[in-house]
Amino acid sequence: MDLIRIIFAIILPPLGVFLQVGLGLHFWINILLTLCGFVPGIVHAIWVIAKK
């Protein structure tokens, strides 16, 4: 299941974070990072998925 989340994190970072933690703080941080730049959103999403 983590592989699917990582694939979603690369395609659409907030979706990967949402599948991992739901509508928590990390989800909103990831949306903000993705809006600032796509790569920071991907890095944060992979970090959140790998951390759990």
N, C-alpha and C. Protein backbone atom coordinates (compact mmCIF):
# COMPACT_ATOMS: atom_id res chain seq x y z
N MET A 1 0.82 -1.20 0.00
CA MET A 1 0.00 0.00 0.00
C MET A 1 0.87 1.26 0.00
N ASP A 2 2.05 1.22 0.64
CA ASP A 2 2.92 2.39 0.64
C ASP A 2 3.40 2.73 -0.76
N LEU A 3 3.60 1.73 -1.61
CA LEU A 3 4.03 1.99 -2.97
C LEU A 3 2.96 2.79 -3.73
N ILE A 4 1.71 2.46 -3.53
CA ILE A 4 0.62 3.20 -4.17
C ILE A 4 0.57 4.63 -3.66
N ARG A 5 0.77 4.81 -2.35
CA ARG A 5 0.77 6.16 -1.78
C ARG A 5 1.93 6.98 -2.33
N ILE A 6 3.09 6.36 -2.50
CA ILE A 6 4.24 7.08 -3.04
C ILE A 6 4.01 7.47 -4.50
N ILE A 7 3.38 6.60 -5.26
CA ILE A 7 3.04 6.94 -6.65
C ILE A 7 2.08 8.12 -6.68
N PHE A 8 1.06 8.08 -5.81
CA PHE A 8 0.12 9.21 -5.73
C PHE A 8 0.84 10.48 -5.26
N ALA A 9 1.83 10.32 -4.36
CA ALA A 9 2.57 11.48 -3.86
C ALA A 9 3.39 12.13 -4.97
N ILE A 10 3.86 11.36 -5.92
CA ILE A 10 4.62 11.92 -7.03
C ILE A 10 3.69 12.61 -8.03
N ILE A 11 2.55 12.00 -8.29
CA ILE A 11 1.59 12.56 -9.25
C ILE A 11 0.85 13.75 -8.67
N LEU A 12 0.32 13.58 -7.46
CA LEU A 12 -0.47 14.62 -6.78
C LEU A 12 -0.16 14.55 -5.29
N PRO A 13 0.82 15.32 -4.83
CA PRO A 13 1.31 15.18 -3.46
C PRO A 13 0.24 15.25 -2.36
N PRO A 14 -0.72 16.18 -2.40
CA PRO A 14 -1.71 16.20 -1.31
C PRO A 14 -2.54 14.92 -1.22
N LEU A 15 -2.76 14.26 -2.33
CA LEU A 15 -3.52 13.02 -2.31
C LEU A 15 -2.75 11.93 -1.57
N GLY A 16 -1.47 11.83 -1.81
CA GLY A 16 -0.65 10.85 -1.10
C GLY A 16 -0.65 11.09 0.40
N VAL A 17 -0.56 12.35 0.81
CA VAL A 17 -0.59 12.69 2.24
C VAL A 17 -1.96 12.41 2.81
N PHE A 18 -3.01 12.75 2.07
CA PHE A 18 -4.37 12.49 2.54
C PHE A 18 -4.61 11.01 2.78
N LEU A 19 -4.13 10.17 1.89
CA LEU A 19 -4.30 8.73 2.06
C LEU A 19 -3.55 8.21 3.29
N GLN A 20 -2.50 8.91 3.68
CA GLN A 20 -1.70 8.47 4.84
C GLN A 20 -2.26 9.01 6.15
N VAL A 21 -2.56 10.31 6.22
CA VAL A 21 -2.92 10.93 7.51
C VAL A 21 -4.30 11.55 7.55
N GLY A 22 -5.00 11.62 6.43
CA GLY A 22 -6.33 12.25 6.43
C GLY A 22 -6.20 13.77 6.36
N LEU A 23 -7.21 14.46 6.88
CA LEU A 23 -7.24 15.92 6.81
C LEU A 23 -6.55 16.56 8.01
N GLY A 24 -5.38 16.10 8.33
CA GLY A 24 -4.63 16.63 9.46
C GLY A 24 -3.74 17.79 9.06
N LEU A 25 -2.89 18.18 9.98
CA LEU A 25 -2.00 19.31 9.78
C LEU A 25 -1.05 19.07 8.61
N HIS A 26 -0.53 17.85 8.48
CA HIS A 26 0.40 17.57 7.38
C HIS A 26 -0.26 17.72 6.01
N PHE A 27 -1.53 17.42 5.92
CA PHE A 27 -2.26 17.60 4.65
C PHE A 27 -2.26 19.06 4.24
N TRP A 28 -2.58 19.95 5.17
CA TRP A 28 -2.65 21.38 4.85
C TRP A 28 -1.27 21.96 4.59
N ILE A 29 -0.27 21.49 5.33
CA ILE A 29 1.10 21.92 5.06
C ILE A 29 1.51 21.50 3.65
N ASN A 30 1.12 20.29 3.26
CA ASN A 30 1.48 19.80 1.94
C ASN A 30 0.78 20.59 0.84
N ILE A 31 -0.45 20.96 1.05
CA ILE A 31 -1.13 21.79 0.05
C ILE A 31 -0.40 23.12 -0.11
N LEU A 32 -0.01 23.72 1.00
CA LEU A 32 0.72 24.99 0.95
C LEU A 32 2.06 24.82 0.23
N LEU A 33 2.79 23.77 0.55
CA LEU A 33 4.08 23.52 -0.12
C LEU A 33 3.89 23.24 -1.61
N THR A 34 2.84 22.52 -1.97
CA THR A 34 2.59 22.22 -3.38
C THR A 34 2.24 23.49 -4.14
N LEU A 35 1.52 24.40 -3.51
CA LEU A 35 1.19 25.66 -4.16
C LEU A 35 2.43 26.54 -4.33
N CYS A 36 3.36 26.46 -3.38
CA CYS A 36 4.61 27.23 -3.47
C CYS A 36 5.55 26.67 -4.52
N GLY A 37 5.51 25.37 -4.70
CA GLY A 37 6.36 24.71 -5.68
C GLY A 37 6.05 23.23 -5.65
N PHE A 38 6.00 22.63 -6.80
CA PHE A 38 5.57 21.23 -6.87
C PHE A 38 6.57 20.29 -6.19
N VAL A 39 7.87 20.55 -6.35
CA VAL A 39 8.89 19.66 -5.80
C VAL A 39 8.87 19.65 -4.26
N PRO A 40 8.76 20.79 -3.57
CA PRO A 40 8.66 20.72 -2.11
C PRO A 40 7.45 19.92 -1.63
N GLY A 41 6.36 19.98 -2.36
CA GLY A 41 5.18 19.18 -2.02
C GLY A 41 5.46 17.69 -2.15
N ILE A 42 6.18 17.31 -3.19
CA ILE A 42 6.53 15.90 -3.39
C ILE A 42 7.46 15.42 -2.28
N VAL A 43 8.47 16.21 -1.97
CA VAL A 43 9.42 15.83 -0.92
C VAL A 43 8.71 15.66 0.41
N HIS A 44 7.85 16.60 0.76
CA HIS A 44 7.12 16.52 2.02
C HIS A 44 6.19 15.31 2.03
N ALA A 45 5.51 15.05 0.94
CA ALA A 45 4.59 13.91 0.87
C ALA A 45 5.33 12.59 1.06
N ILE A 46 6.46 12.44 0.41
CA ILE A 46 7.23 11.20 0.55
C ILE A 46 7.77 11.07 1.97
N TRP A 47 8.18 12.19 2.55
CA TRP A 47 8.66 12.18 3.94
C TRP A 47 7.55 11.73 4.90
N VAL A 48 6.34 12.26 4.71
CA VAL A 48 5.22 11.88 5.59
C VAL A 48 4.89 10.40 5.42
N ILE A 49 4.89 9.92 4.21
CA ILE A 49 4.56 8.52 3.96
C ILE A 49 5.64 7.60 4.53
N ALA A 50 6.89 7.96 4.36
CA ALA A 50 7.99 7.13 4.85
C ALA A 50 8.09 7.15 6.38
N LYS A 51 7.67 8.26 6.98
CA LYS A 51 7.77 8.41 8.43
C LYS A 51 6.81 7.49 9.17
N LYS A 52 5.64 7.28 8.66
CA LYS A 52 4.61 6.50 9.36
C LYS A 52 4.82 5.03 9.16
